[in-house]
Amino acid sequence: MAKKAHASHILVNSKGDALNFKRNISNLKEFQRCATKASKCPSSRKLGDLGTFTQGQMVPAFDKTVWSIDLNTCSDPVRTQFGYHLIWVHSRDE
């Protein structure tokens, strides 16, 4: 059975923007505020929440980060074909 995770993200155009946002995020509320204000993904309307998804469902670099970072922390910028993501993993099957 595929492992599942619940995560949110902020999607921006540049690594510089992602790093600037990351500097100001120390908790989930700040992450969500930033996602609503700055993310270019439609999930910004849901505080950046991507809901629950299975391992392998997202693009490889994003997927790898979801399964490797500590829970309830903001990831370093992750580059994909869509731009730069900051990822917050709420929960996942271990």
PDB file of N, CA and C in Angstrom:
ATOM      1  N   MET A   1       0.835  -1.188   0.000  1.00  0.00           N
ATOM      2  CA  MET A   1       0.000   0.000   0.000  1.00  0.00           C
ATOM      3  C   MET A   1       0.879   1.251   0.000  1.00  0.00           C
ATOM      4  N   ALA A   2       0.517   2.229  -0.805  1.00  0.00           N
ATOM      5  CA  ALA A   2       1.317   3.455  -0.926  1.00  0.00           C
ATOM      6  C   ALA A   2       1.246   4.286   0.348  1.00  0.00           C
ATOM      7  N   LYS A   3       2.386   4.848   0.714  1.00  0.00           N
ATOM      8  CA  LYS A   3       2.433   5.727   1.881  1.00  0.00           C
ATOM      9  C   LYS A   3       1.783   7.062   1.531  1.00  0.00           C
ATOM     10  N   LYS A   4       1.181   7.694   2.536  1.00  0.00           N
ATOM     11  CA  LYS A   4       0.492   8.965   2.333  1.00  0.00           C
ATOM     12  C   LYS A   4       1.115  10.063   3.180  1.00  0.00           C
ATOM     13  N   ALA A   5       0.996  11.295   2.672  1.00  0.00           N
ATOM     14  CA  ALA A   5       1.451  12.470   3.410  1.00  0.00           C
ATOM     15  C   ALA A   5       0.421  13.579   3.250  1.00  0.00           C
ATOM     16  N   HIS A   6       0.410  14.495   4.218  1.00  0.00           N
ATOM     17  CA  HIS A   6      -0.418  15.697   4.137  1.00  0.00           C
ATOM     18  C   HIS A   6       0.543  16.873   4.234  1.00  0.00           C
ATOM     19  N   ALA A   7       0.555  17.726   3.205  1.00  0.00           N
ATOM     20  CA  ALA A   7       1.512  18.827   3.173  1.00  0.00           C
ATOM     21  C   ALA A   7       0.897  20.091   2.590  1.00  0.00           C
ATOM     22  N   SER A   8       1.565  21.196   2.881  1.00  0.00           N
ATOM     23  CA  SER A   8       1.237  22.490   2.298  1.00  0.00           C
ATOM     24  C   SER A   8       2.496  23.012   1.617  1.00  0.00           C
ATOM     25  N   HIS A   9       2.312  23.967   0.709  1.00  0.00           N
ATOM     26  CA  HIS A   9       3.505  24.554   0.094  1.00  0.00           C
ATOM     27  C   HIS A   9       3.265  26.000  -0.301  1.00  0.00           C
ATOM     28  N   ILE A  10       4.378  26.670  -0.551  1.00  0.00           N
ATOM     29  CA  ILE A  10       4.396  28.025  -1.094  1.00  0.00           C
ATOM     30  C   ILE A  10       5.194  27.912  -2.388  1.00  0.00           C
ATOM     31  N   LEU A  11       4.636  28.381  -3.480  1.00  0.00           N
ATOM     32  CA  LEU A  11       5.306  28.303  -4.779  1.00  0.00           C
ATOM     33  C   LEU A  11       5.620  29.710  -5.267  1.00  0.00           C
ATOM     34  N   VAL A  12       6.913  29.978  -5.520  1.00  0.00           N
ATOM     35  CA  VAL A  12       7.349  31.288  -6.006  1.00  0.00           C
ATOM     36  C   VAL A  12       8.277  31.103  -7.209  1.00  0.00           C
ATOM     37  N   ASN A  13       8.594  32.213  -7.883  1.00  0.00           N
ATOM     38  CA  ASN A  13       9.386  32.142  -9.115  1.00  0.00           C
ATOM     39  C   ASN A  13      10.884  32.006  -8.898  1.00  0.00           C
ATOM     40  N   SER A  14      11.415  32.540  -7.792  1.00  0.00           N
ATOM     41  CA  SER A  14      12.871  32.547  -7.644  1.00  0.00           C
ATOM     42  C   SER A  14      13.322  31.964  -6.314  1.00  0.00           C
ATOM     43  N   LYS A  15      14.545  31.453  -6.319  1.00  0.00           N
ATOM     44  CA  LYS A  15      15.133  30.931  -5.093  1.00  0.00           C
ATOM     45  C   LYS A  15      15.301  32.052  -4.071  1.00  0.00           C
ATOM     46  N   GLY A  16      15.647  33.240  -4.547  1.00  0.00           N
ATOM     47  CA  GLY A  16      15.794  34.394  -3.657  1.00  0.00           C
ATOM     48  C   GLY A  16      14.505  34.692  -2.906  1.00  0.00           C
ATOM     49  N   ASP A  17      13.385  34.691  -3.626  1.00  0.00           N
ATOM     50  CA  ASP A  17      12.084  34.914  -2.974  1.00  0.00           C
ATOM     51  C   ASP A  17      11.817  33.830  -1.939  1.00  0.00           C
ATOM     52  N   ALA A  18      12.071  32.579  -2.323  1.00  0.00           N
ATOM     53  CA  ALA A  18      11.827  31.470  -1.402  1.00  0.00           C
ATOM     54  C   ALA A  18      12.677  31.623  -0.138  1.00  0.00           C
ATOM     55  N   LEU A  19      13.938  31.982  -0.295  1.00  0.00           N
ATOM     56  CA  LEU A  19      14.814  32.154   0.874  1.00  0.00           C
ATOM     57  C   LEU A  19      14.350  33.309   1.753  1.00  0.00           C
ATOM     58  N   ASN A  20      13.903  34.402   1.129  1.00  0.00           N
ATOM     59  CA  ASN A  20      13.396  35.541   1.908  1.00  0.00           C
ATOM     60  C   ASN A  20      12.176  35.142   2.731  1.00  0.00           C
ATOM     61  N   PHE A  21      11.259  34.399   2.120  1.00  0.00           N
ATOM     62  CA  PHE A  21      10.070  33.958   2.851  1.00  0.00           C
ATOM     63  C   PHE A  21      10.456  33.002   3.975  1.00  0.00           C
ATOM     64  N   LYS A  22      11.355  32.067   3.682  1.00  0.00           N
ATOM     65  CA  LYS A  22      11.758  31.081   4.680  1.00  0.00           C
ATOM     66  C   LYS A  22      12.319  31.759   5.939  1.00  0.00           C
ATOM     67  N   ARG A  23      13.080  32.828   5.753  1.00  0.00           N
ATOM     68  CA  ARG A  23      13.655  33.559   6.897  1.00  0.00           C
ATOM     69  C   ARG A  23      12.592  34.062   7.861  1.00  0.00           C
ATOM     70  N   ASN A  24      11.404  34.338   7.346  1.00  0.00           N
ATOM     71  CA  ASN A  24      10.336  34.911   8.172  1.00  0.00           C
ATOM     72  C   ASN A  24       9.326  33.886   8.675  1.00  0.00           C
ATOM     73  N   ILE A  25       9.587  32.617   8.428  1.00  0.00           N
ATOM     74  CA  ILE A  25       8.630  31.571   8.823  1.00  0.00           C
ATOM     75  C   ILE A  25       9.200  30.744   9.965  1.00  0.00           C
ATOM     76  N   SER A  26       8.544  30.832  11.123  1.00  0.00           N
ATOM     77  CA  SER A  26       8.983  30.004  12.252  1.00  0.00           C
ATOM     78  C   SER A  26       7.858  29.118  12.770  1.00  0.00           C
ATOM     79  N   ASN A  27       6.652  29.298  12.229  1.00  0.00           N
ATOM     80  CA  ASN A  27       5.538  28.448  12.661  1.00  0.00           C
ATOM     81  C   ASN A  27       4.516  28.306  11.527  1.00  0.00           C
ATOM     82  N   LEU A  28       3.558  27.439  11.736  1.00  0.00           N
ATOM     83  CA  LEU A  28       2.571  27.136  10.697  1.00  0.00           C
ATOM     84  C   LEU A  28       1.754  28.359  10.312  1.00  0.00           C
ATOM     85  N   LYS A  29       1.363  29.173  11.290  1.00  0.00           N
ATOM     86  CA  LYS A  29       0.536  30.343  10.993  1.00  0.00           C
ATOM     87  C   LYS A  29       1.262  31.302  10.042  1.00  0.00           C
ATOM     88  N   GLU A  30       2.547  31.521  10.278  1.00  0.00           N
ATOM     89  CA  GLU A  30       3.332  32.379   9.388  1.00  0.00           C
ATOM     90  C   GLU A  30       3.453  31.754   8.002  1.00  0.00           C
ATOM     91  N   PHE A  31       3.642  30.430   7.967  1.00  0.00           N
ATOM     92  CA  PHE A  31       3.712  29.718   6.692  1.00  0.00           C
ATOM     93  C   PHE A  31       2.414  29.929   5.910  1.00  0.00           C
ATOM     94  N   GLN A  32       1.278  29.746   6.581  1.00  0.00           N
ATOM     95  CA  GLN A  32      -0.021  29.876   5.921  1.00  0.00           C
ATOM     96  C   GLN A  32      -0.272  31.310   5.448  1.00  0.00           C
ATOM     97  N   ARG A  33       0.125  32.286   6.253  1.00  0.00           N
ATOM     98  CA  ARG A  33      -0.048  33.692   5.881  1.00  0.00           C
ATOM     99  C   ARG A  33       0.770  33.986   4.613  1.00  0.00           C
ATOM    100  N   CYS A  34       1.988  33.491   4.591  1.00  0.00           N
ATOM    101  CA  CYS A  34       2.869  33.688   3.446  1.00  0.00           C
ATOM    102  C   CYS A  34       2.310  32.982   2.205  1.00  0.00           C
ATOM    103  N   ALA A  35       1.792  31.773   2.376  1.00  0.00           N
ATOM    104  CA  ALA A  35       1.207  31.025   1.254  1.00  0.00           C
ATOM    105  C   ALA A  35       0.039  31.791   0.646  1.00  0.00           C
ATOM    106  N   THR A  36      -0.818  32.332   1.499  1.00  0.00           N
ATOM    107  CA  THR A  36      -1.994  33.069   1.034  1.00  0.00           C
ATOM    108  C   THR A  36      -1.583  34.319   0.266  1.00  0.00           C
ATOM    109  N   LYS A  37      -0.542  34.997   0.762  1.00  0.00           N
ATOM    110  CA  LYS A  37      -0.112  36.262   0.193  1.00  0.00           C
ATOM    111  C   LYS A  37       0.763  36.099  -1.050  1.00  0.00           C
ATOM    112  N   ALA A  38       1.639  35.098  -1.060  1.00  0.00           N
ATOM    113  CA  ALA A  38       2.698  35.077  -2.067  1.00  0.00           C
ATOM    114  C   ALA A  38       2.715  33.880  -3.024  1.00  0.00           C
ATOM    115  N   SER A  39       2.083  32.774  -2.650  1.00  0.00           N
ATOM    116  CA  SER A  39       2.190  31.579  -3.494  1.00  0.00           C
ATOM    117  C   SER A  39       1.462  31.770  -4.810  1.00  0.00           C
ATOM    118  N   LYS A  40       2.085  31.315  -5.903  1.00  0.00           N
ATOM    119  CA  LYS A  40       1.442  31.428  -7.217  1.00  0.00           C
ATOM    120  C   LYS A  40       0.647  30.164  -7.572  1.00  0.00           C
ATOM    121  N   CYS A  41       0.506  29.253  -6.619  1.00  0.00           N
ATOM    122  CA  CYS A  41      -0.292  28.047  -6.827  1.00  0.00           C
ATOM    123  C   CYS A  41      -1.738  28.315  -6.398  1.00  0.00           C
ATOM    124  N   PRO A  42      -2.720  27.741  -7.093  1.00  0.00           N
ATOM    125  CA  PRO A  42      -4.119  27.900  -6.659  1.00  0.00           C
ATOM    126  C   PRO A  42      -4.357  27.459  -5.211  1.00  0.00           C
ATOM    127  N   SER A  43      -3.482  26.604  -4.676  1.00  0.00           N
ATOM    128  CA  SER A  43      -3.633  26.175  -3.275  1.00  0.00           C
ATOM    129  C   SER A  43      -3.466  27.338  -2.308  1.00  0.00           C
ATOM    130  N   SER A  44      -2.993  28.487  -2.791  1.00  0.00           N
ATOM    131  CA  SER A  44      -2.840  29.659  -1.911  1.00  0.00           C
ATOM    132  C   SER A  44      -4.173  30.050  -1.280  1.00  0.00           C
ATOM    133  N   ARG A  45      -5.266  29.763  -1.976  1.00  0.00           N
ATOM    134  CA  ARG A  45      -6.598  30.078  -1.427  1.00  0.00           C
ATOM    135  C   ARG A  45      -6.959  29.181  -0.244  1.00  0.00           C
ATOM    136  N   LYS A  46      -6.214  28.068  -0.107  1.00  0.00           N
ATOM    137  CA  LYS A  46      -6.457  27.137   1.005  1.00  0.00           C
ATOM    138  C   LYS A  46      -5.261  27.144   1.960  1.00  0.00           C
ATOM    139  N   LEU A  47      -4.627  28.310   2.124  1.00  0.00           N
ATOM    140  CA  LEU A  47      -3.461  28.465   3.007  1.00  0.00           C
ATOM    141  C   LEU A  47      -2.284  27.607   2.543  1.00  0.00           C
ATOM    142  N   GLY A  48      -2.256  27.281   1.259  1.00  0.00           N
ATOM    143  CA  GLY A  48      -1.169  26.463   0.710  1.00  0.00           C
ATOM    144  C   GLY A  48      -1.389  24.971   0.852  1.00  0.00           C
ATOM    145  N   ASP A  49      -2.518  24.579   1.427  1.00  0.00           N
ATOM    146  CA  ASP A  49      -2.775  23.164   1.727  1.00  0.00           C
ATOM    147  C   ASP A  49      -2.997  22.347   0.463  1.00  0.00           C
ATOM    148  N   LEU A  50      -2.196  21.308   0.306  1.00  0.00           N
ATOM    149  CA  LEU A  50      -2.330  20.403  -0.847  1.00  0.00           C
ATOM    150  C   LEU A  50      -3.147  19.163  -0.510  1.00  0.00           C
ATOM    151  N   GLY A  51      -3.560  19.048   0.753  1.00  0.00           N
ATOM    152  CA  GLY A  51      -4.319  17.877   1.153  1.00  0.00           C
ATOM    153  C   GLY A  51      -3.415  16.656   1.295  1.00  0.00           C
ATOM    154  N   THR A  52      -4.021  15.489   1.204  1.00  0.00           N
ATOM    155  CA  THR A  52      -3.296  14.231   1.365  1.00  0.00           C
ATOM    156  C   THR A  52      -3.012  13.636  -0.013  1.00  0.00           C
ATOM    157  N   PHE A  53      -1.813  13.115  -0.184  1.00  0.00           N
ATOM    158  CA  PHE A  53      -1.421  12.504  -1.454  1.00  0.00           C
ATOM    159  C   PHE A  53      -0.507  11.327  -1.162  1.00  0.00           C
ATOM    160  N   THR A  54      -0.336  10.471  -2.163  1.00  0.00           N
ATOM    161  CA  THR A  54       0.487   9.278  -1.968  1.00  0.00           C
ATOM    162  C   THR A  54       1.916   9.518  -2.434  1.00  0.00           C
ATOM    163  N   GLN A  55       2.824   8.719  -1.894  1.00  0.00           N
ATOM    164  CA  GLN A  55       4.227   8.814  -2.288  1.00  0.00           C
ATOM    165  C   GLN A  55       4.339   8.536  -3.780  1.00  0.00           C
ATOM    166  N   GLY A  56       5.073   9.386  -4.499  1.00  0.00           N
ATOM    167  CA  GLY A  56       5.230   9.234  -5.940  1.00  0.00           C
ATOM    168  C   GLY A  56       4.227  10.028  -6.755  1.00  0.00           C
ATOM    169  N   GLN A  57       3.251  10.631  -6.104  1.00  0.00           N
ATOM    170  CA  GLN A  57       2.214  11.373  -6.820  1.00  0.00           C
ATOM    171  C   GLN A  57       2.703  12.756  -7.271  1.00  0.00           C
ATOM    172  N   MET A  58       3.630  13.353  -6.518  1.00  0.00           N
ATOM    173  CA  MET A  58       4.158  14.679  -6.847  1.00  0.00           C
ATOM    174  C   MET A  58       5.427  14.536  -7.693  1.00  0.00           C
ATOM    175  N   VAL A  59       5.886  15.639  -8.278  1.00  0.00           N
ATOM    176  CA  VAL A  59       7.119  15.592  -9.070  1.00  0.00           C
ATOM    177  C   VAL A  59       8.279  15.146  -8.174  1.00  0.00           C
ATOM    178  N   PRO A  60       9.303  14.483  -8.737  1.00  0.00           N
ATOM    179  CA  PRO A  60      10.340  13.823  -7.932  1.00  0.00           C
ATOM    180  C   PRO A  60      11.019  14.678  -6.843  1.00  0.00           C
ATOM    181  N   ALA A  61      11.465  15.884  -7.164  1.00  0.00           N
ATOM    182  CA  ALA A  61      12.181  16.691  -6.164  1.00  0.00           C
ATOM    183  C   ALA A  61      11.258  17.053  -4.995  1.00  0.00           C
ATOM    184  N   PHE A  62      10.002  17.363  -5.313  1.00  0.00           N
ATOM    185  CA  PHE A  62       9.011  17.699  -4.288  1.00  0.00           C
ATOM    186  C   PHE A  62       8.743  16.466  -3.420  1.00  0.00           C
ATOM    187  N   ASP A  63       8.498  15.358  -4.090  1.00  0.00           N
ATOM    188  CA  ASP A  63       8.201  14.095  -3.409  1.00  0.00           C
ATOM    189  C   ASP A  63       9.334  13.700  -2.460  1.00  0.00           C
ATOM    190  N   LYS A  64      10.562  13.794  -2.936  1.00  0.00           N
ATOM    191  CA  LYS A  64      11.730  13.417  -2.128  1.00  0.00           C
ATOM    192  C   LYS A  64      11.790  14.245  -0.841  1.00  0.00           C
ATOM    193  N   THR A  65      11.521  15.546  -0.972  1.00  0.00           N
ATOM    194  CA  THR A  65      11.565  16.438   0.192  1.00  0.00           C
ATOM    195  C   THR A  65      10.469  16.099   1.196  1.00  0.00           C
ATOM    196  N   VAL A  66       9.260  15.838   0.697  1.00  0.00           N
ATOM    197  CA  VAL A  66       8.140  15.505   1.593  1.00  0.00           C
ATOM    198  C   VAL A  66       8.480  14.318   2.487  1.00  0.00           C
ATOM    199  N   TRP A  67       9.214  13.354   1.945  1.00  0.00           N
ATOM    200  CA  TRP A  67       9.506  12.138   2.696  1.00  0.00           C
ATOM    201  C   TRP A  67      10.811  12.215   3.485  1.00  0.00           C
ATOM    202  N   SER A  68      11.528  13.360   3.409  1.00  0.00           N
ATOM    203  CA  SER A  68      12.813  13.427   4.108  1.00  0.00           C
ATOM    204  C   SER A  68      12.914  14.528   5.171  1.00  0.00           C
ATOM    205  N   ILE A  69      12.092  15.581   5.089  1.00  0.00           N
ATOM    206  CA  ILE A  69      12.224  16.665   6.074  1.00  0.00           C
ATOM    207  C   ILE A  69      11.498  16.326   7.379  1.00  0.00           C
ATOM    208  N   ASP A  70      11.868  17.043   8.425  1.00  0.00           N
ATOM    209  CA  ASP A  70      11.170  16.889   9.703  1.00  0.00           C
ATOM    210  C   ASP A  70       9.741  17.387   9.564  1.00  0.00           C
ATOM    211  N   LEU A  71       8.833  16.747  10.280  1.00  0.00           N
ATOM    212  CA  LEU A  71       7.436  17.196  10.293  1.00  0.00           C
ATOM    213  C   LEU A  71       7.343  18.580  10.934  1.00  0.00           C
ATOM    214  N   ASN A  72       6.351  19.353  10.486  1.00  0.00           N
ATOM    215  CA  ASN A  72       6.037  20.659  11.067  1.00  0.00           C
ATOM    216  C   ASN A  72       7.217  21.624  11.087  1.00  0.00           C
ATOM    217  N   THR A  73       7.977  21.604   9.993  1.00  0.00           N
ATOM    218  CA  THR A  73       9.037  22.589   9.778  1.00  0.00           C
ATOM    219  C   THR A  73       8.960  23.040   8.322  1.00  0.00           C
ATOM    220  N   CYS A  74       9.564  24.177   8.036  1.00  0.00           N
ATOM    221  CA  CYS A  74       9.582  24.689   6.672  1.00  0.00           C
ATOM    222  C   CYS A  74      10.836  24.173   5.971  1.00  0.00           C
ATOM    223  N   SER A  75      10.648  23.582   4.801  1.00  0.00           N
ATOM    224  CA  SER A  75      11.786  23.055   4.036  1.00  0.00           C
ATOM    225  C   SER A  75      12.649  24.185   3.487  1.00  0.00           C
ATOM    226  N   ASP A  76      13.839  23.823   3.039  1.00  0.00           N
ATOM    227  CA  ASP A  76      14.634  24.731   2.225  1.00  0.00           C
ATOM    228  C   ASP A  76      13.956  24.807   0.867  1.00  0.00           C
ATOM    229  N   PRO A  77      14.292  25.809   0.042  1.00  0.00           N
ATOM    230  CA  PRO A  77      13.669  25.889  -1.286  1.00  0.00           C
ATOM    231  C   PRO A  77      13.934  24.623  -2.114  1.00  0.00           C
ATOM    232  N   VAL A  78      12.890  24.151  -2.784  1.00  0.00           N
ATOM    233  CA  VAL A  78      12.969  22.961  -3.634  1.00  0.00           C
ATOM    234  C   VAL A  78      12.617  23.401  -5.050  1.00  0.00           C
ATOM    235  N   ARG A  79      13.535  23.168  -5.998  1.00  0.00           N
ATOM    236  CA  ARG A  79      13.304  23.585  -7.378  1.00  0.00           C
ATOM    237  C   ARG A  79      12.623  22.473  -8.169  1.00  0.00           C
ATOM    238  N   THR A  80      11.540  22.842  -8.865  1.00  0.00           N
ATOM    239  CA  THR A  80      10.884  21.927  -9.800  1.00  0.00           C
ATOM    240  C   THR A  80      10.618  22.708 -11.085  1.00  0.00           C
ATOM    241  N   GLN A  81       9.993  22.070 -12.044  1.00  0.00           N
ATOM    242  CA  GLN A  81       9.670  22.768 -13.288  1.00  0.00           C
ATOM    243  C   GLN A  81       8.637  23.874 -13.077  1.00  0.00           C
ATOM    244  N   PHE A  82       7.991  23.898 -11.921  1.00  0.00           N
ATOM    245  CA  PHE A  82       6.964  24.902 -11.638  1.00  0.00           C
ATOM    246  C   PHE A  82       7.533  26.158 -10.981  1.00  0.00           C
ATOM    247  N   GLY A  83       8.723  26.040 -10.386  1.00  0.00           N
ATOM    248  CA  GLY A  83       9.323  27.155  -9.667  1.00  0.00           C
ATOM    249  C   GLY A  83       9.996  26.633  -8.410  1.00  0.00           C
ATOM    250  N   TYR A  84      10.003  27.473  -7.368  1.00  0.00           N
ATOM    251  CA  TYR A  84      10.632  27.098  -6.102  1.00  0.00           C
ATOM    252  C   TYR A  84       9.561  26.931  -5.032  1.00  0.00           C
ATOM    253  N   HIS A  85       9.628  25.808  -4.338  1.00  0.00           N
ATOM    254  CA  HIS A  85       8.639  25.485  -3.309  1.00  0.00           C
ATOM    255  C   HIS A  85       9.267  25.559  -1.921  1.00  0.00           C
ATOM    256  N   LEU A  86       8.484  26.048  -0.975  1.00  0.00           N
ATOM    257  CA  LEU A  86       8.758  25.824   0.444  1.00  0.00           C
ATOM    258  C   LEU A  86       7.673  24.854   0.870  1.00  0.00           C
ATOM    259  N   ILE A  87       8.057  23.801   1.551  1.00  0.00           N
ATOM    260  CA  ILE A  87       7.109  22.729   1.878  1.00  0.00           C
ATOM    261  C   ILE A  87       6.991  22.575   3.380  1.00  0.00           C
ATOM    262  N   TRP A  88       5.766  22.363   3.836  1.00  0.00           N
ATOM    263  CA  TRP A  88       5.475  22.117   5.250  1.00  0.00           C
ATOM    264  C   TRP A  88       4.727  20.787   5.307  1.00  0.00           C
ATOM    265  N   VAL A  89       5.299  19.776   5.940  1.00  0.00           N
ATOM    266  CA  VAL A  89       4.638  18.478   6.032  1.00  0.00           C
ATOM    267  C   VAL A  89       3.931  18.375   7.390  1.00  0.00           C
ATOM    268  N   HIS A  90       2.606  18.229   7.329  1.00  0.00           N
ATOM    269  CA  HIS A  90       1.787  18.136   8.541  1.00  0.00           C
ATOM    270  C   HIS A  90       1.859  16.722   9.135  1.00  0.00           C
ATOM    271  N   SER A  91       1.798  15.718   8.257  1.00  0.00           N
ATOM    272  CA  SER A  91       1.824  14.333   8.715  1.00  0.00           C
ATOM    273  C   SER A  91       2.185  13.430   7.555  1.00  0.00           C
ATOM    274  N   ARG A  92       2.661  12.228   7.867  1.00  0.00           N
ATOM    275  CA  ARG A  92       2.939  11.236   6.825  1.00  0.00           C
ATOM    276  C   ARG A  92       3.049   9.861   7.457  1.00  0.00           C
ATOM    277  N   ASP A  93       2.794   8.854   6.658  1.00  0.00           N
ATOM    278  CA  ASP A  93       2.980   7.466   7.103  1.00  0.00           C
ATOM    279  C   ASP A  93       4.474   7.228   7.149  1.00  0.00           C
ATOM    280  N   GLU A  94       4.945   6.626   8.229  1.00  0.00           N
ATOM    281  CA  GLU A  94       6.385   6.339   8.330  1.00  0.00           C
ATOM    282  C   GLU A  94       6.648   4.883   8.003  1.00  0.00           C
TER     283      GLU A  94
END
